[in-house]
C-alpha atoms as a PDB file:
ATOM      1  CA  UNK A   1      19.597 -23.666  -3.375  1.00  0.00           C
ATOM      2  CA  UNK A   2      21.706 -22.596  -0.354  1.00  0.00           C
ATOM      3  CA  UNK A   3      20.713 -19.716   1.879  1.00  0.00           C
ATOM      4  CA  UNK A   4      23.809 -17.778   0.788  1.00  0.00           C
ATOM      5  CA  UNK A   5      22.958 -18.167  -2.910  1.00  0.00           C
ATOM      6  CA  UNK A   6      19.335 -17.170  -2.276  1.00  0.00           C
ATOM      7  CA  UNK A   7      20.408 -13.995  -0.472  1.00  0.00           C
ATOM      8  CA  UNK A   8      22.935 -13.187  -3.225  1.00  0.00           C
ATOM      9  CA  UNK A   9      20.234 -13.555  -5.878  1.00  0.00           C
ATOM     10  CA  UNK A  10      17.877 -11.350  -3.854  1.00  0.00           C
ATOM     11  CA  UNK A  11      20.518  -8.625  -3.591  1.00  0.00           C
ATOM     12  CA  UNK A  12      21.204  -8.887  -7.321  1.00  0.00           C
ATOM     13  CA  UNK A  13      17.509  -8.502  -8.213  1.00  0.00           C
ATOM     14  CA  UNK A  14      17.164  -5.658  -5.739  1.00  0.00           C
ATOM     15  CA  UNK A  15      20.065  -3.759  -7.356  1.00  0.00           C
ATOM     16  CA  UNK A  16      18.475  -4.207 -10.785  1.00  0.00           C
ATOM     17  CA  UNK A  17      15.116  -2.902  -9.628  1.00  0.00           C
ATOM     18  CA  UNK A  18      16.618   0.033  -7.750  1.00  0.00           C
ATOM     19  CA  UNK A  19      18.282   0.936 -11.045  1.00  0.00           C
ATOM     20  CA  UNK A  20      14.907   0.744 -12.770  1.00  0.00           C
ATOM     21  CA  UNK A  21      13.447   3.022 -10.104  1.00  0.00           C
ATOM     22  CA  UNK A  22      16.143   5.641 -10.669  1.00  0.00           C
ATOM     23  CA  UNK A  23      15.462   5.665 -14.410  1.00  0.00           C
ATOM     24  CA  UNK A  24      11.677   5.760 -13.996  1.00  0.00           C
ATOM     25  CA  UNK A  25      11.817   8.405 -11.292  1.00  0.00           C
ATOM     26  CA  UNK A  26      13.804  10.687 -13.552  1.00  0.00           C
ATOM     27  CA  UNK A  27      10.755  10.799 -15.846  1.00  0.00           C
ATOM     28  CA  UNK A  28       7.965  11.166 -13.351  1.00  0.00           C
ATOM     29  CA  UNK A  29       5.863  13.704 -11.498  1.00  0.00           C
ATOM     30  CA  UNK A  30       3.764  13.430  -8.364  1.00  0.00           C
ATOM     31  CA  UNK A  31       0.310  11.901  -8.356  1.00  0.00           C
ATOM     32  CA  UNK A  32      -2.369  12.175  -5.695  1.00  0.00           C
ATOM     33  CA  UNK A  33      -2.488   9.198  -3.354  1.00  0.00           C
ATOM     34  CA  UNK A  34      -5.540   6.966  -3.816  1.00  0.00           C
ATOM     35  CA  UNK A  35      -7.437   5.118  -1.131  1.00  0.00           C
ATOM     36  CA  UNK A  36      -8.188   1.695  -2.591  1.00  0.00           C
ATOM     37  CA  UNK A  37      -5.572   0.147  -0.270  1.00  0.00           C
ATOM     38  CA  UNK A  38      -4.950   1.496   3.240  1.00  0.00           C
ATOM     39  CA  UNK A  39      -2.223  -0.748   4.602  1.00  0.00           C
ATOM     40  CA  UNK A  40       1.361  -0.625   5.868  1.00  0.00           C
ATOM     41  CA  UNK A  41       3.518  -3.324   4.244  1.00  0.00           C
ATOM     42  CA  UNK A  42       5.523  -5.483   6.676  1.00  0.00           C
ATOM     43  CA  UNK A  43       7.557  -7.431   4.065  1.00  0.00           C
ATOM     44  CA  UNK A  44       5.502 -10.608   4.498  1.00  0.00           C
ATOM     45  CA  UNK A  45       4.705 -12.477   1.267  1.00  0.00           C
ATOM     46  CA  UNK A  46       2.959 -15.660   0.129  1.00  0.00           C
ATOM     47  CA  UNK A  47       5.027 -18.831   0.313  1.00  0.00           C
ATOM     48  CA  UNK A  48       6.489 -20.007  -3.020  1.00  0.00           C
ATOM     49  CA  UNK A  49       3.757 -21.623  -5.111  1.00  0.00           C
ATOM     50  CA  UNK A  50       0.923 -20.172  -3.003  1.00  0.00           C
ATOM     51  CA  UNK A  51      -1.918 -18.053  -4.407  1.00  0.00           C
ATOM     52  CA  UNK A  52      -3.580 -15.640  -1.979  1.00  0.00           C
ATOM     53  CA  UNK A  53      -6.510 -13.238  -2.164  1.00  0.00           C
ATOM     54  CA  UNK A  54      -6.899 -10.025  -0.179  1.00  0.00           C
ATOM     55  CA  UNK A  55     -10.082  -7.947  -0.283  1.00  0.00           C
ATOM     56  CA  UNK A  56      -9.504  -4.274   0.562  1.00  0.00           C
ATOM     57  CA  UNK A  57     -12.480  -2.047   1.360  1.00  0.00           C
ATOM     58  CA  UNK A  58     -12.665   1.386   2.949  1.00  0.00           C
ATOM     59  CA  UNK A  59     -15.597   3.710   3.536  1.00  0.00           C
ATOM     60  CA  UNK A  60     -15.493   7.447   4.285  1.00  0.00           C
ATOM     61  CA  UNK A  61     -18.508   8.581   6.368  1.00  0.00           C
ATOM     62  CA  UNK A  62     -17.032  12.091   6.709  1.00  0.00           C
ATOM     63  CA  UNK A  63     -14.699  13.130   3.925  1.00  0.00           C
ATOM     64  CA  UNK A  64     -13.781  15.921   1.558  1.00  0.00           C
ATOM     65  CA  UNK A  65     -16.860  17.282  -0.213  1.00  0.00           C
ATOM     66  CA  UNK A  66     -15.007  18.280  -3.377  1.00  0.00           C
ATOM     67  CA  UNK A  67     -12.913  16.035  -5.662  1.00  0.00           C
ATOM     68  CA  UNK A  68      -9.117  16.185  -5.594  1.00  0.00           C
ATOM     69  CA  UNK A  69      -9.134  17.180  -9.285  1.00  0.00           C
ATOM     70  CA  UNK A  70     -11.799  18.228 -11.830  1.00  0.00           C
ATOM     71  CA  UNK A  71     -13.966  15.251 -12.740  1.00  0.00           C
ATOM     72  CA  UNK A  72     -12.710  13.119  -9.854  1.00  0.00           C
ATOM     73  CA  UNK A  73     -14.733  11.184  -7.301  1.00  0.00           C
ATOM     74  CA  UNK A  74     -16.024  12.958  -4.209  1.00  0.00           C
ATOM     75  CA  UNK A  75     -14.497  11.245  -1.132  1.00  0.00           C
ATOM     76  CA  UNK A  76     -17.397  11.991   1.235  1.00  0.00           C
ATOM     77  CA  UNK A  77     -19.592   8.904   1.798  1.00  0.00           C
ATOM     78  CA  UNK A  78     -17.683   6.876  -0.807  1.00  0.00           C
ATOM     79  CA  UNK A  79     -16.714   3.199  -0.702  1.00  0.00           C
ATOM     80  CA  UNK A  80     -13.435   2.235  -2.391  1.00  0.00           C
ATOM     81  CA  UNK A  81     -12.054  -1.262  -2.747  1.00  0.00           C
ATOM     82  CA  UNK A  82     -10.021  -3.737  -4.725  1.00  0.00           C
ATOM     83  CA  UNK A  83      -9.353  -7.467  -4.928  1.00  0.00           C
ATOM     84  CA  UNK A  84      -5.620  -8.199  -4.614  1.00  0.00           C
ATOM     85  CA  UNK A  85      -4.397 -11.493  -6.098  1.00  0.00           C
ATOM     86  CA  UNK A  86      -0.859 -12.462  -5.075  1.00  0.00           C
ATOM     87  CA  UNK A  87       1.403 -15.383  -5.963  1.00  0.00           C
ATOM     88  CA  UNK A  88       4.633 -16.345  -4.219  1.00  0.00           C
ATOM     89  CA  UNK A  89       7.410 -16.852  -6.787  1.00  0.00           C
ATOM     90  CA  UNK A  90      10.348 -17.348  -4.417  1.00  0.00           C
ATOM     91  CA  UNK A  91      10.922 -16.705  -0.713  1.00  0.00           C
ATOM     92  CA  UNK A  92      11.925 -13.132  -1.616  1.00  0.00           C
ATOM     93  CA  UNK A  93       9.615 -12.257  -4.566  1.00  0.00           C
ATOM     94  CA  UNK A  94       5.839 -12.027  -4.832  1.00  0.00           C
ATOM     95  CA  UNK A  95       3.840 -10.896  -7.876  1.00  0.00           C
ATOM     96  CA  UNK A  96       0.427  -9.288  -7.519  1.00  0.00           C
ATOM     97  CA  UNK A  97      -2.604  -8.199  -9.538  1.00  0.00           C
ATOM     98  CA  UNK A  98      -5.238  -5.714  -8.296  1.00  0.00           C
ATOM     99  CA  UNK A  99      -8.482  -6.278 -10.178  1.00  0.00           C
ATOM    100  CA  UNK A 100     -11.153  -5.023 -10.137  1.00  0.00           C
ATOM    101  CA  UNK A 101     -10.535  -1.644  -8.513  1.00  0.00           C
ATOM    102  CA  UNK A 102     -13.964  -0.139  -7.773  1.00  0.00           C
ATOM    103  CA  UNK A 103     -15.874   2.619  -6.001  1.00  0.00           C
ATOM    104  CA  UNK A 104     -19.420   3.426  -4.979  1.00  0.00           C
ATOM    105  CA  UNK A 105     -19.814   7.200  -4.568  1.00  0.00           C
ATOM    106  CA  UNK A 106     -22.757   9.506  -4.048  1.00  0.00           C
ATOM    107  CA  UNK A 107     -22.012  11.490  -7.214  1.00  0.00           C
ATOM    108  CA  UNK A 108     -21.295   8.642  -9.666  1.00  0.00           C
ATOM    109  CA  UNK A 109     -22.720   5.483  -8.108  1.00  0.00           C
ATOM    110  CA  UNK A 110     -20.819   2.249  -8.830  1.00  0.00           C
ATOM    111  CA  UNK A 111     -17.702   2.633 -10.991  1.00  0.00           C
ATOM    112  CA  UNK A 112     -14.694   0.585 -12.106  1.00  0.00           C
ATOM    113  CA  UNK A 113     -11.519   2.604 -11.596  1.00  0.00           C
ATOM    114  CA  UNK A 114      -8.802   0.543 -13.311  1.00  0.00           C
ATOM    115  CA  UNK A 115      -6.297  -2.056 -12.173  1.00  0.00           C
ATOM    116  CA  UNK A 116      -2.728  -2.530 -10.957  1.00  0.00           C
ATOM    117  CA  UNK A 117       0.158  -4.960 -11.086  1.00  0.00           C
ATOM    118  CA  UNK A 118       2.891  -5.124  -8.490  1.00  0.00           C
ATOM    119  CA  UNK A 119       6.257  -6.709  -7.773  1.00  0.00           C
ATOM    120  CA  UNK A 120       7.262  -7.099  -4.121  1.00  0.00           C
ATOM    121  CA  UNK A 121      10.858  -7.915  -3.176  1.00  0.00           C
ATOM    122  CA  UNK A 122      11.663  -8.638   0.478  1.00  0.00           C
ATOM    123  CA  UNK A 123      14.293 -10.059   2.772  1.00  0.00           C
ATOM    124  CA  UNK A 124      13.439 -13.789   3.082  1.00  0.00           C
ATOM    125  CA  UNK A 125      11.619 -14.865   6.253  1.00  0.00           C
ATOM    126  CA  UNK A 126      10.961 -11.260   7.282  1.00  0.00           C
ATOM    127  CA  UNK A 127       8.693 -12.330  10.161  1.00  0.00           C
ATOM    128  CA  UNK A 128      11.631 -14.115  11.816  1.00  0.00           C
ATOM    129  CA  UNK A 129      14.090 -11.224  11.507  1.00  0.00           C
ATOM    130  CA  UNK A 130      14.662  -8.439  14.009  1.00  0.00           C
ATOM    131  CA  UNK A 131      15.338  -5.985  11.190  1.00  0.00           C
ATOM    132  CA  UNK A 132      13.472  -6.576   7.936  1.00  0.00           C
ATOM    133  CA  UNK A 133      13.251  -4.705   4.666  1.00  0.00           C
ATOM    134  CA  UNK A 134      11.956  -4.813   1.117  1.00  0.00           C
ATOM    135  CA  UNK A 135      10.651  -2.723  -1.753  1.00  0.00           C
ATOM    136  CA  UNK A 136       7.391  -2.805  -3.704  1.00  0.00           C
ATOM    137  CA  UNK A 137       6.695  -1.515  -7.221  1.00  0.00           C
ATOM    138  CA  UNK A 138       3.183  -0.932  -8.514  1.00  0.00           C
ATOM    139  CA  UNK A 139       2.042   0.125 -11.971  1.00  0.00           C
ATOM    140  CA  UNK A 140      -1.540   1.313 -12.403  1.00  0.00           C
ATOM    141  CA  UNK A 141      -3.970   1.902 -15.249  1.00  0.00           C
ATOM    142  CA  UNK A 142      -6.551   4.503 -14.153  1.00  0.00           C
ATOM    143  CA  UNK A 143      -9.877   5.764 -15.399  1.00  0.00           C
ATOM    144  CA  UNK A 144     -10.201   9.548 -15.632  1.00  0.00           C
ATOM    145  CA  UNK A 145     -12.468   9.807 -12.586  1.00  0.00           C
ATOM    146  CA  UNK A 146      -9.893   7.951 -10.420  1.00  0.00           C
ATOM    147  CA  UNK A 147      -6.721   9.771 -11.427  1.00  0.00           C
ATOM    148  CA  UNK A 148      -6.004  12.535 -13.962  1.00  0.00           C
ATOM    149  CA  UNK A 149      -3.104  10.431 -15.298  1.00  0.00           C
ATOM    150  CA  UNK A 150      -3.938   7.224 -17.145  1.00  0.00           C
ATOM    151  CA  UNK A 151      -0.735   5.466 -16.075  1.00  0.00           C
ATOM    152  CA  UNK A 152       0.830   5.921 -12.636  1.00  0.00           C
ATOM    153  CA  UNK A 153       3.127   3.976 -10.352  1.00  0.00           C
ATOM    154  CA  UNK A 154       4.172   3.623  -6.736  1.00  0.00           C
ATOM    155  CA  UNK A 155       7.590   2.993  -5.222  1.00  0.00           C
ATOM    156  CA  UNK A 156       7.241   1.693  -1.655  1.00  0.00           C
ATOM    157  CA  UNK A 157      10.386   0.999   0.399  1.00  0.00           C
ATOM    158  CA  UNK A 158       9.747  -1.139   3.480  1.00  0.00           C
ATOM    159  CA  UNK A 159      11.773  -1.149   6.689  1.00  0.00           C
ATOM    160  CA  UNK A 160      10.954  -2.294  10.183  1.00  0.00           C
ATOM    161  CA  UNK A 161      11.872  -3.900  13.481  1.00  0.00           C
ATOM    162  CA  UNK A 162      10.372  -6.859  15.326  1.00  0.00           C
ATOM    163  CA  UNK A 163      11.202  -6.266  18.991  1.00  0.00           C
ATOM    164  CA  UNK A 164       9.632  -9.054  21.022  1.00  0.00           C
ATOM    165  CA  UNK A 165       5.886  -8.270  20.944  1.00  0.00           C
ATOM    166  CA  UNK A 166       6.362  -4.877  19.279  1.00  0.00           C
ATOM    167  CA  UNK A 167       6.566  -4.031  15.570  1.00  0.00           C
ATOM    168  CA  UNK A 168       7.834  -0.705  14.191  1.00  0.00           C
ATOM    169  CA  UNK A 169       7.375  -0.261  10.430  1.00  0.00           C
ATOM    170  CA  UNK A 170       7.819   2.586   7.942  1.00  0.00           C
ATOM    171  CA  UNK A 171       6.843   2.773   4.253  1.00  0.00           C
ATOM    172  CA  UNK A 172       8.241   6.037   2.774  1.00  0.00           C
ATOM    173  CA  UNK A 173       6.077   5.875  -0.366  1.00  0.00           C
ATOM    174  CA  UNK A 174       6.752   7.817  -3.572  1.00  0.00           C
ATOM    175  CA  UNK A 175       3.883   8.182  -6.079  1.00  0.00           C
ATOM    176  CA  UNK A 176       4.427   9.236  -9.673  1.00  0.00           C
ATOM    177  CA  UNK A 177       2.840   9.553 -13.105  1.00  0.00           C
ATOM    178  CA  UNK A 178       5.876   9.602 -15.412  1.00  0.00           C
ATOM    179  CA  UNK A 179       6.371  13.299 -16.126  1.00  0.00           C
ATOM    180  CA  UNK A 180       8.026  16.277 -14.489  1.00  0.00           C
ATOM    181  CA  UNK A 181      11.289  15.023 -13.046  1.00  0.00           C
ATOM    182  CA  UNK A 182      12.465  13.331  -9.865  1.00  0.00           C
ATOM    183  CA  UNK A 183      11.595  16.244  -7.569  1.00  0.00           C
ATOM    184  CA  UNK A 184       7.946  16.050  -8.677  1.00  0.00           C
ATOM    185  CA  UNK A 185       7.475  12.673  -7.032  1.00  0.00           C
ATOM    186  CA  UNK A 186       4.715  12.827  -4.416  1.00  0.00           C
ATOM    187  CA  UNK A 187       5.831  11.839  -0.910  1.00  0.00           C
ATOM    188  CA  UNK A 188       3.139   9.859   0.939  1.00  0.00           C
ATOM    189  CA  UNK A 189       4.727   8.085   3.935  1.00  0.00           C
ATOM    190  CA  UNK A 190       2.940   5.459   6.022  1.00  0.00           C
ATOM    191  CA  UNK A 191       3.966   4.018   9.383  1.00  0.00           C
ATOM    192  CA  UNK A 192       2.760   1.477  11.936  1.00  0.00           C
ATOM    193  CA  UNK A 193       3.460   0.609  15.575  1.00  0.00           C
ATOM    194  CA  UNK A 194       1.855  -2.683  16.634  1.00  0.00           C
ATOM    195  CA  UNK A 195       1.636  -4.745  19.798  1.00  0.00           C
ATOM    196  CA  UNK A 196       1.118  -8.499  19.344  1.00  0.00           C
ATOM    197  CA  UNK A 197      -0.830 -10.118  22.168  1.00  0.00           C
ATOM    198  CA  UNK A 198      -0.269 -13.466  20.454  1.00  0.00           C
ATOM    199  CA  UNK A 199       0.265 -14.902  16.983  1.00  0.00           C
ATOM    200  CA  UNK A 200      -3.456 -14.389  16.344  1.00  0.00           C
ATOM    201  CA  UNK A 201      -4.229 -10.987  17.881  1.00  0.00           C
ATOM    202  CA  UNK A 202      -2.614  -7.560  17.525  1.00  0.00           C
ATOM    203  CA  UNK A 203      -3.490  -3.891  17.936  1.00  0.00           C
ATOM    204  CA  UNK A 204      -1.756  -1.052  16.133  1.00  0.00           C
ATOM    205  CA  UNK A 205      -1.546   2.679  15.582  1.00  0.00           C
ATOM    206  CA  UNK A 206      -0.970   3.689  11.951  1.00  0.00           C
ATOM    207  CA  UNK A 207      -0.360   7.030  10.271  1.00  0.00           C
ATOM    208  CA  UNK A 208      -0.866   7.873   6.594  1.00  0.00           C
ATOM    209  CA  UNK A 209       0.161  11.192   5.082  1.00  0.00           C
ATOM    210  CA  UNK A 210       0.499  13.021   1.794  1.00  0.00           C
ATOM    211  CA  UNK A 211       3.100  15.770   2.175  1.00  0.00           C
ATOM    212  CA  UNK A 212       3.258  16.994  -1.419  1.00  0.00           C
ATOM    213  CA  UNK A 213       6.040  16.763  -3.972  1.00  0.00           C
ATOM    214  CA  UNK A 214       9.736  16.532  -3.201  1.00  0.00           C
ATOM    215  CA  UNK A 215      10.110  19.840  -5.024  1.00  0.00           C
ATOM    216  CA  UNK A 216       7.524  21.660  -2.927  1.00  0.00           C
ATOM    217  CA  UNK A 217       6.273  20.151   0.322  1.00  0.00           C
ATOM    218  CA  UNK A 218       2.817  21.510   1.143  1.00  0.00           C
ATOM    219  CA  UNK A 219       2.209  23.810   4.120  1.00  0.00           C
ATOM    220  CA  UNK A 220       1.059  21.744   7.092  1.00  0.00           C
ATOM    221  CA  UNK A 221      -2.594  22.778   6.772  1.00  0.00           C
ATOM    222  CA  UNK A 222      -2.614  21.585   3.138  1.00  0.00           C
ATOM    223  CA  UNK A 223      -1.054  18.203   3.940  1.00  0.00           C
ATOM    224  CA  UNK A 224      -3.166  15.096   4.470  1.00  0.00           C
ATOM    225  CA  UNK A 225      -2.612  13.314   7.797  1.00  0.00           C
ATOM    226  CA  UNK A 226      -4.697  10.480   9.211  1.00  0.00           C
ATOM    227  CA  UNK A 227      -4.071   8.570  12.428  1.00  0.00           C
ATOM    228  CA  UNK A 228      -5.584   5.071  12.663  1.00  0.00           C
ATOM    229  CA  UNK A 229      -6.562   2.650  15.410  1.00  0.00           C
ATOM    230  CA  UNK A 230      -6.291  -0.868  13.984  1.00  0.00           C
ATOM    231  CA  UNK A 231      -6.661  -4.449  15.134  1.00  0.00           C
ATOM    232  CA  UNK A 232      -5.611  -7.678  13.414  1.00  0.00           C
ATOM    233  CA  UNK A 233      -6.900 -11.203  13.921  1.00  0.00           C
ATOM    234  CA  UNK A 234      -5.651 -14.392  12.271  1.00  0.00           C
ATOM    235  CA  UNK A 235      -8.715 -16.651  12.282  1.00  0.00           C
ATOM    236  CA  UNK A 236      -8.884 -20.233  11.028  1.00  0.00           C
ATOM    237  CA  UNK A 237     -10.293 -19.404   7.585  1.00  0.00           C
ATOM    238  CA  UNK A 238      -9.453 -15.739   7.087  1.00  0.00           C
ATOM    239  CA  UNK A 239      -7.098 -13.012   8.309  1.00  0.00           C
ATOM    240  CA  UNK A 240      -8.831  -9.798   9.371  1.00  0.00           C
ATOM    241  CA  UNK A 241      -7.478  -6.264   9.607  1.00  0.00           C
ATOM    242  CA  UNK A 242      -9.907  -3.492  10.468  1.00  0.00           C
ATOM    243  CA  UNK A 243      -9.631   0.020  11.774  1.00  0.00           C
ATOM    244  CA  UNK A 244     -10.859   3.587  11.988  1.00  0.00           C
ATOM    245  CA  UNK A 245      -8.919   6.624  10.788  1.00  0.00           C
ATOM    246  CA  UNK A 246      -9.221  10.234  11.958  1.00  0.00           C
ATOM    247  CA  UNK A 247      -8.123  13.231   9.885  1.00  0.00           C
ATOM    248  CA  UNK A 248      -5.778  15.675  11.607  1.00  0.00           C
ATOM    249  CA  UNK A 249      -5.806  18.548   9.081  1.00  0.00           C
ATOM    250  CA  UNK A 250      -8.375  20.376   6.983  1.00  0.00           C
ATOM    251  CA  UNK A 251      -7.032  18.618   3.872  1.00  0.00           C
ATOM    252  CA  UNK A 252      -7.729  15.168   5.364  1.00  0.00           C
ATOM    253  CA  UNK A 253     -10.877  13.064   5.324  1.00  0.00           C
ATOM    254  CA  UNK A 254     -12.283  13.396   8.845  1.00  0.00           C
ATOM    255  CA  UNK A 255     -13.388   9.793   9.351  1.00  0.00           C
ATOM    256  CA  UNK A 256     -12.549   6.637   7.374  1.00  0.00           C
ATOM    257  CA  UNK A 257     -13.205   2.952   8.096  1.00  0.00           C
ATOM    258  CA  UNK A 258     -11.291   0.026   6.622  1.00  0.00           C
ATOM    259  CA  UNK A 259     -11.736  -3.731   6.420  1.00  0.00           C
ATOM    260  CA  UNK A 260      -9.138  -6.080   4.911  1.00  0.00           C
ATOM    261  CA  UNK A 261      -9.847  -9.815   4.558  1.00  0.00           C
ATOM    262  CA  UNK A 262      -7.181 -12.216   3.289  1.00  0.00           C
ATOM    263  CA  UNK A 263      -6.486 -15.926   2.957  1.00  0.00           C
ATOM    264  CA  UNK A 264      -4.432 -18.398   0.941  1.00  0.00           C
ATOM    265  CA  UNK A 265      -6.463 -19.996  -1.850  1.00  0.00           C
ATOM    266  CA  UNK A 266      -4.140 -22.655  -3.157  1.00  0.00           C
ATOM    267  CA  UNK A 267      -0.657 -23.925  -2.397  1.00  0.00           C
ATOM    268  CA  UNK A 268       1.563 -25.823  -4.805  1.00  0.00           C
ATOM    269  CA  UNK A 269       1.742 -29.530  -4.068  1.00  0.00           C
ATOM    270  CA  UNK A 270       5.161 -30.990  -3.397  1.00  0.00           C
END
């Protein structure tokens, strides 16, 4: 298939899914952001026919001492994680499954929190482009201690620039739980500025926030803001991303650690 036809098909699929988003968003309300996955998407995906596994884990030594909703997990001294299985369908589409999604908390011990599926659409060969973009859709099934809504979803636009050794990336995320109208979507943007020492080593500053619903943005002291110091290393057998996050407001967890390990498991033979 020619490059022109591939790009035309990508744009066609993207228009379809943006239409789906508009319809879904009209039915949804905001949902509190969860912390199983603390990562800024850079529009990179598995090669067609390749299965990959990413293990996300984050621990909160100093967090909120009360749950975000009645019956929810207490963030303080909790470990949250998930195994992310991804498969490259084309050079612009990757499908993913998050299972199991789990926590170990001081109030409930070890728990299973649900699972997610996702569909990630990106500009092909994003790592070779100066300007890159994409959009990710996630649909989640949640236990009652993880989220008050059984079914939720995430809409994650992706946009960024590769400028020599520097990367600038934004993910203006919208979370929802299918009730309440478009303006009840929860706005939880994430951003990243990275410096690449080489193809194997990088350092980055990341910011994650939860600003409230589009209808009613929270006052600043009620918003969640965390600033992160992160480093990435592409080793021979595994890719490593780790970092430490510091809360900037009273509504934020004060200290959070993350570790993300990923590698390709199997590639399709040609």
